[in-house]
C-alpha atoms as a PDB file:
ATOM      1  CA  MET A   1      46.455  74.221  53.291  1.00  0.00           C
ATOM      2  CA  THR A   2      46.179  74.845  56.997  1.00  0.00           C
ATOM      3  CA  SER A   3      44.839  72.286  59.429  1.00  0.00           C
ATOM      4  CA  THR A   4      43.777  72.965  62.989  1.00  0.00           C
ATOM      5  CA  ALA A   5      43.999  70.284  65.632  1.00  0.00           C
ATOM      6  CA  ALA A   6      40.940  69.821  67.777  1.00  0.00           C
ATOM      7  CA  LEU A   7      41.362  70.706  71.413  1.00  0.00           C
ATOM      8  CA  PRO A   8      41.507  67.615  73.641  1.00  0.00           C
ATOM      9  CA  GLU A   9      38.524  66.852  75.818  1.00  0.00           C
ATOM     10  CA  PRO A  10      38.988  67.521  79.562  1.00  0.00           C
ATOM     11  CA  ARG A  11      39.070  63.788  80.322  1.00  0.00           C
ATOM     12  CA  ALA A  12      41.647  63.242  77.583  1.00  0.00           C
ATOM     13  CA  GLU A  13      43.776  65.978  79.147  1.00  0.00           C
ATOM     14  CA  ALA A  14      43.469  64.266  82.533  1.00  0.00           C
ATOM     15  CA  ASP A  15      44.469  60.926  81.013  1.00  0.00           C
ATOM     16  CA  LEU A  16      47.472  62.545  79.323  1.00  0.00           C
ATOM     17  CA  ALA A  17      48.558  64.148  82.602  1.00  0.00           C
ATOM     18  CA  ALA A  18      48.291  60.756  84.319  1.00  0.00           C
ATOM     19  CA  LEU A  19      50.385  59.116  81.614  1.00  0.00           C
ATOM     20  CA  ILE A  20      53.031  61.811  82.044  1.00  0.00           C
ATOM     21  CA  GLY A  21      53.001  61.202  85.802  1.00  0.00           C
ATOM     22  CA  SER A  22      53.413  57.467  85.253  1.00  0.00           C
ATOM     23  CA  ARG A  23      56.301  58.012  82.829  1.00  0.00           C
ATOM     24  CA  ILE A  24      58.175  60.345  85.178  1.00  0.00           C
ATOM     25  CA  CYS A  25      57.766  58.026  88.165  1.00  0.00           C
ATOM     26  CA  HIS A  26      58.701  54.959  86.110  1.00  0.00           C
ATOM     27  CA  ASP A  27      61.897  56.598  84.877  1.00  0.00           C
ATOM     28  CA  LEU A  28      62.884  57.724  88.382  1.00  0.00           C
ATOM     29  CA  ILE A  29      62.289  54.443  90.221  1.00  0.00           C
ATOM     30  CA  SER A  30      65.125  52.549  88.515  1.00  0.00           C
ATOM     31  CA  PRO A  31      67.935  55.050  89.182  1.00  0.00           C
ATOM     32  CA  LEU A  32      66.757  55.564  92.760  1.00  0.00           C
ATOM     33  CA  GLY A  33      66.825  51.805  93.278  1.00  0.00           C
ATOM     34  CA  ALA A  34      70.321  51.634  91.797  1.00  0.00           C
ATOM     35  CA  ILE A  35      71.536  54.375  94.158  1.00  0.00           C
ATOM     36  CA  GLY A  36      70.031  52.520  97.106  1.00  0.00           C
ATOM     37  CA  ASN A  37      71.721  49.284  96.070  1.00  0.00           C
ATOM     38  CA  GLY A  38      75.021  51.101  95.646  1.00  0.00           C
ATOM     39  CA  LEU A  39      74.768  52.556  99.133  1.00  0.00           C
ATOM     40  CA  GLU A  40      74.100  49.104 100.578  1.00  0.00           C
ATOM     41  CA  LEU A  41      77.187  47.714  98.833  1.00  0.00           C
ATOM     42  CA  LEU A  42      79.325  50.573 100.138  1.00  0.00           C
ATOM     43  CA  ALA A  43      78.031  49.977 103.654  1.00  0.00           C
ATOM     44  CA  MET A  44      78.726  46.226 103.436  1.00  0.00           C
ATOM     45  CA  ALA A  45      82.254  46.912 102.203  1.00  0.00           C
ATOM     46  CA  GLY A  46      82.848  49.394 105.003  1.00  0.00           C
ATOM     47  CA  ALA A  47      83.981  51.972 102.468  1.00  0.00           C
ATOM     48  CA  VAL A  48      81.765  54.740 103.839  1.00  0.00           C
ATOM     49  CA  SER A  49      80.140  55.198 107.227  1.00  0.00           C
ATOM     50  CA  GLY A  50      79.007  57.893 109.589  1.00  0.00           C
ATOM     51  CA  PRO A  51      76.196  60.471 109.695  1.00  0.00           C
ATOM     52  CA  GLU A  52      76.814  61.578 106.120  1.00  0.00           C
ATOM     53  CA  MET A  53      76.135  58.076 104.833  1.00  0.00           C
ATOM     54  CA  GLU A  54      73.029  57.809 107.001  1.00  0.00           C
ATOM     55  CA  LEU A  55      71.715  61.135 105.681  1.00  0.00           C
ATOM     56  CA  ILE A  56      72.204  60.058 102.057  1.00  0.00           C
ATOM     57  CA  ALA A  57      70.563  56.678 102.658  1.00  0.00           C
ATOM     58  CA  GLU A  58      67.612  58.297 104.439  1.00  0.00           C
ATOM     59  CA  SER A  59      67.146  60.825 101.631  1.00  0.00           C
ATOM     60  CA  VAL A  60      67.204  58.101  98.960  1.00  0.00           C
ATOM     61  CA  ALA A  61      64.693  56.000 100.906  1.00  0.00           C
ATOM     62  CA  ASN A  62      62.384  59.002 101.300  1.00  0.00           C
ATOM     63  CA  ALA A  63      62.633  59.882  97.602  1.00  0.00           C
ATOM     64  CA  ASN A  64      61.913  56.282  96.609  1.00  0.00           C
ATOM     65  CA  ALA A  65      58.868  56.161  98.901  1.00  0.00           C
ATOM     66  CA  ARG A  66      57.447  59.379  97.455  1.00  0.00           C
ATOM     67  CA  VAL A  67      57.954  58.237  93.864  1.00  0.00           C
ATOM     68  CA  ARG A  68      56.115  54.969  94.602  1.00  0.00           C
ATOM     69  CA  PHE A  69      53.287  56.920  96.246  1.00  0.00           C
ATOM     70  CA  PHE A  70      53.103  59.496  93.445  1.00  0.00           C
ATOM     71  CA  ARG A  71      53.086  56.754  90.809  1.00  0.00           C
ATOM     72  CA  ILE A  72      49.719  55.625  92.167  1.00  0.00           C
ATOM     73  CA  ALA A  73      48.339  59.053  93.122  1.00  0.00           C
ATOM     74  CA  PHE A  74      49.272  60.853  89.894  1.00  0.00           C
ATOM     75  CA  GLY A  75      49.758  57.996  87.447  1.00  0.00           C
ATOM     76  CA  ALA A  76      47.435  56.242  85.037  1.00  0.00           C
ATOM     77  CA  SER A  77      44.952  53.658  86.317  1.00  0.00           C
ATOM     78  CA  ASP A  78      43.566  51.210  83.779  1.00  0.00           C
ATOM     79  CA  ALA A  79      40.094  49.757  84.233  1.00  0.00           C
ATOM     80  CA  GLY A  80      40.215  46.513  86.163  1.00  0.00           C
ATOM     81  CA  GLN A  81      43.774  47.052  87.379  1.00  0.00           C
ATOM     82  CA  MET A  82      44.291  46.060  91.026  1.00  0.00           C
ATOM     83  CA  VAL A  83      46.829  46.992  93.679  1.00  0.00           C
ATOM     84  CA  ARG A  84      47.932  44.342  96.155  1.00  0.00           C
ATOM     85  CA  ARG A  85      47.192  45.185  99.773  1.00  0.00           C
ATOM     86  CA  GLY A  86      50.784  44.388 100.696  1.00  0.00           C
ATOM     87  CA  GLU A  87      52.041  47.004  98.229  1.00  0.00           C
ATOM     88  CA  ILE A  88      49.632  49.617  99.590  1.00  0.00           C
ATOM     89  CA  LEU A  89      50.764  48.991 103.169  1.00  0.00           C
ATOM     90  CA  SER A  90      54.425  49.068 102.133  1.00  0.00           C
ATOM     91  CA  VAL A  91      54.073  52.389 100.298  1.00  0.00           C
ATOM     92  CA  LEU A  92      52.182  54.025 103.176  1.00  0.00           C
ATOM     93  CA  ALA A  93      54.651  52.744 105.790  1.00  0.00           C
ATOM     94  CA  ASP A  94      57.602  54.084 103.814  1.00  0.00           C
ATOM     95  CA  MET A  95      55.878  57.443 103.341  1.00  0.00           C
ATOM     96  CA  ALA A  96      55.189  57.726 107.075  1.00  0.00           C
ATOM     97  CA  ARG A  97      58.896  57.336 107.891  1.00  0.00           C
ATOM     98  CA  GLY A  98      59.764  60.481 105.992  1.00  0.00           C
ATOM     99  CA  GLY A  99      56.636  62.529 106.731  1.00  0.00           C
ATOM    100  CA  ARG A 100      54.556  63.970 109.522  1.00  0.00           C
ATOM    101  CA  VAL A 101      51.312  62.099 108.777  1.00  0.00           C
ATOM    102  CA  ALA A 102      50.828  58.354 109.274  1.00  0.00           C
ATOM    103  CA  CYS A 103      48.102  56.392 107.505  1.00  0.00           C
ATOM    104  CA  ALA A 104      46.211  53.304 108.667  1.00  0.00           C
ATOM    105  CA  TRP A 105      44.742  51.281 105.773  1.00  0.00           C
ATOM    106  CA  ASP A 106      41.663  49.483 107.137  1.00  0.00           C
ATOM    107  CA  ILE A 107      40.463  48.013 103.831  1.00  0.00           C
ATOM    108  CA  ALA A 108      40.856  44.270 103.473  1.00  0.00           C
ATOM    109  CA  GLY A 109      42.234  42.577 100.391  1.00  0.00           C
ATOM    110  CA  ASP A 110      43.497  43.947  97.103  1.00  0.00           C
ATOM    111  CA  ALA A 111      41.800  47.083  95.767  1.00  0.00           C
ATOM    112  CA  PRO A 112      41.030  48.634  92.360  1.00  0.00           C
ATOM    113  CA  ARG A 113      43.888  50.937  91.392  1.00  0.00           C
ATOM    114  CA  ALA A 114      41.479  53.801  90.583  1.00  0.00           C
ATOM    115  CA  ARG A 115      40.009  53.672  94.092  1.00  0.00           C
ATOM    116  CA  VAL A 116      43.475  53.547  95.651  1.00  0.00           C
ATOM    117  CA  LYS A 117      44.495  56.509  93.490  1.00  0.00           C
ATOM    118  CA  ALA A 118      41.538  58.510  94.836  1.00  0.00           C
ATOM    119  CA  ALA A 119      42.411  57.512  98.406  1.00  0.00           C
ATOM    120  CA  PHE A 120      46.043  58.617  97.964  1.00  0.00           C
ATOM    121  CA  LEU A 121      44.898  61.962  96.531  1.00  0.00           C
ATOM    122  CA  ALA A 122      42.531  62.320  99.500  1.00  0.00           C
ATOM    123  CA  LEU A 123      45.454  61.630 101.831  1.00  0.00           C
ATOM    124  CA  LEU A 124      47.417  64.463 100.207  1.00  0.00           C
ATOM    125  CA  CYS A 125      44.425  66.764 100.696  1.00  0.00           C
ATOM    126  CA  LEU A 126      44.094  65.786 104.347  1.00  0.00           C
ATOM    127  CA  GLU A 127      47.802  66.434 104.937  1.00  0.00           C
ATOM    128  CA  THR A 128      47.176  70.120 104.239  1.00  0.00           C
ATOM    129  CA  ALA A 129      44.634  70.198 107.078  1.00  0.00           C
ATOM    130  CA  LEU A 130      47.100  68.652 109.569  1.00  0.00           C
ATOM    131  CA  PRO A 131      49.847  71.297 109.873  1.00  0.00           C
ATOM    132  CA  HIS A 132      51.276  69.695 113.025  1.00  0.00           C
ATOM    133  CA  GLY A 133      50.994  66.154 111.730  1.00  0.00           C
ATOM    134  CA  GLY A 134      48.547  63.460 112.670  1.00  0.00           C
ATOM    135  CA  ARG A 135      46.994  60.250 111.481  1.00  0.00           C
ATOM    136  CA  VAL A 136      44.679  59.354 108.610  1.00  0.00           C
ATOM    137  CA  VAL A 137      42.496  56.246 108.635  1.00  0.00           C
ATOM    138  CA  VAL A 138      41.147  54.909 105.335  1.00  0.00           C
ATOM    139  CA  SER A 139      38.195  52.534 105.669  1.00  0.00           C
ATOM    140  CA  ALA A 140      35.162  51.318 103.746  1.00  0.00           C
ATOM    141  CA  SER A 141      31.476  50.953 104.479  1.00  0.00           C
ATOM    142  CA  GLY A 142      29.476  49.340 101.731  1.00  0.00           C
ATOM    143  CA  ASP A 143      30.587  50.872  98.434  1.00  0.00           C
ATOM    144  CA  ASP A 144      31.805  54.098 100.047  1.00  0.00           C
ATOM    145  CA  TRP A 145      35.361  54.760 101.155  1.00  0.00           C
ATOM    146  CA  HIS A 146      36.210  57.115 104.000  1.00  0.00           C
ATOM    147  CA  ALA A 147      39.423  58.942 104.866  1.00  0.00           C
ATOM    148  CA  VAL A 148      39.488  60.579 108.292  1.00  0.00           C
ATOM    149  CA  GLY A 149      42.366  62.794 109.402  1.00  0.00           C
ATOM    150  CA  ARG A 150      43.003  63.633 113.043  1.00  0.00           C
ATOM    151  CA  GLY A 151      45.759  65.654 114.625  1.00  0.00           C
ATOM    152  CA  PRO A 152      46.631  68.158 117.365  1.00  0.00           C
ATOM    153  CA  ARG A 153      45.478  70.994 115.116  1.00  0.00           C
ATOM    154  CA  ILE A 154      42.993  71.121 112.227  1.00  0.00           C
ATOM    155  CA  ALA A 155      43.416  73.933 109.697  1.00  0.00           C
ATOM    156  CA  VAL A 156      41.094  73.834 106.682  1.00  0.00           C
ATOM    157  CA  ASP A 157      41.580  76.383 103.900  1.00  0.00           C
ATOM    158  CA  ALA A 158      37.884  76.848 103.040  1.00  0.00           C
ATOM    159  CA  PRO A 159      38.318  78.296  99.498  1.00  0.00           C
ATOM    160  CA  LEU A 160      40.758  75.511  98.647  1.00  0.00           C
ATOM    161  CA  TRP A 161      38.545  72.755 100.009  1.00  0.00           C
ATOM    162  CA  SER A 162      35.487  74.175  98.249  1.00  0.00           C
ATOM    163  CA  THR A 163      37.053  73.063  94.944  1.00  0.00           C
ATOM    164  CA  LEU A 164      36.295  69.473  95.951  1.00  0.00           C
ATOM    165  CA  ALA A 165      32.578  70.234  95.692  1.00  0.00           C
ATOM    166  CA  GLY A 166      32.895  72.072  92.396  1.00  0.00           C
ATOM    167  CA  GLY A 167      33.168  75.555  93.891  1.00  0.00           C
ATOM    168  CA  ALA A 168      35.199  78.358  92.368  1.00  0.00           C
ATOM    169  CA  GLY A 169      37.671  77.820  95.187  1.00  0.00           C
ATOM    170  CA  ALA A 170      41.147  79.261  95.215  1.00  0.00           C
ATOM    171  CA  ASP A 171      44.030  79.352  92.799  1.00  0.00           C
ATOM    172  CA  ILE A 172      45.653  75.909  92.708  1.00  0.00           C
ATOM    173  CA  SER A 173      49.396  75.930  93.340  1.00  0.00           C
ATOM    174  CA  PRO A 174      51.662  72.995  92.387  1.00  0.00           C
ATOM    175  CA  ALA A 175      51.744  71.916  96.035  1.00  0.00           C
ATOM    176  CA  ARG A 176      47.931  71.762  96.076  1.00  0.00           C
ATOM    177  CA  VAL A 177      47.294  70.146  92.683  1.00  0.00           C
ATOM    178  CA  GLN A 178      45.591  67.220  94.446  1.00  0.00           C
ATOM    179  CA  PHE A 179      42.567  69.469  95.046  1.00  0.00           C
ATOM    180  CA  ALA A 180      42.070  69.748  91.279  1.00  0.00           C
ATOM    181  CA  LEU A 181      42.862  66.114  90.499  1.00  0.00           C
ATOM    182  CA  LEU A 182      40.717  64.423  93.160  1.00  0.00           C
ATOM    183  CA  PRO A 183      37.282  65.748  92.083  1.00  0.00           C
ATOM    184  CA  ALA A 184      38.155  65.015  88.439  1.00  0.00           C
ATOM    185  CA  GLU A 185      39.143  61.441  89.314  1.00  0.00           C
ATOM    186  CA  ILE A 186      36.027  60.918  91.440  1.00  0.00           C
ATOM    187  CA  ALA A 187      33.802  62.243  88.641  1.00  0.00           C
ATOM    188  CA  ALA A 188      35.517  59.937  86.136  1.00  0.00           C
ATOM    189  CA  GLN A 189      34.630  57.011  88.403  1.00  0.00           C
ATOM    190  CA  GLY A 190      30.991  58.109  88.403  1.00  0.00           C
ATOM    191  CA  ARG A 191      31.065  58.836  92.097  1.00  0.00           C
ATOM    192  CA  ARG A 192      30.660  61.843  94.406  1.00  0.00           C
ATOM    193  CA  ILE A 193      32.880  63.274  97.082  1.00  0.00           C
ATOM    194  CA  ALA A 194      31.816  64.851 100.355  1.00  0.00           C
ATOM    195  CA  TRP A 195      33.774  66.202 103.284  1.00  0.00           C
ATOM    196  CA  ARG A 196      33.105  67.667 106.689  1.00  0.00           C
ATOM    197  CA  GLU A 197      35.177  69.226 109.437  1.00  0.00           C
ATOM    198  CA  SER A 198      34.697  68.789 113.162  1.00  0.00           C
ATOM    199  CA  GLY A 199      36.714  70.123 116.065  1.00  0.00           C
ATOM    200  CA  ASP A 200      39.487  67.538 115.889  1.00  0.00           C
ATOM    201  CA  SER A 201      39.076  65.834 112.513  1.00  0.00           C
ATOM    202  CA  VAL A 202      38.335  66.143 108.814  1.00  0.00           C
ATOM    203  CA  GLU A 203      36.425  63.336 107.088  1.00  0.00           C
ATOM    204  CA  MET A 204      36.185  62.669 103.355  1.00  0.00           C
ATOM    205  CA  THR A 205      33.766  60.209 101.743  1.00  0.00           C
ATOM    206  CA  PHE A 206      34.083  59.135  98.113  1.00  0.00           C
END
């Protein structure tokens, strides 16, 4: 007797991918924290010092910041789950230290994890349009959230960005997976996403 498993629904596939993202980030956070603690102990004992130590410490801090960010952006988000505003600000500040794009979070209070996830994915999209770095401001007006990126140069890959509106778009590379995940997440929330480019900025509304 042969049985054939039913193919998972697209949303089920998205949920599975998010669970995998959560698992990977969860398993990486603990060892990264242990390495950071070990470096602090070595520094306090005076056992190691110099530029090599600083480079290792900086790399660990950057890796830890990215894992915390990715855990929200690519991980699972249960209905009703909230993210403390202090945690959001901490994650974004740590990310800015190791990156070329800073983010100002102008939303008061704690926020639903699903909405924060969408905002973090939007931030990753906006980073691609700021090749020389810049600043992203996330704010809210009514029930809509906005993410506006500004920088010395704006470079929008039109086929890639068209995927946000359901267009055929371009082939999605691993470095651009956020362009596939964001519209799926927005649709799952029962919302719509819009974006527009001006001379010195790119604005996303979701």
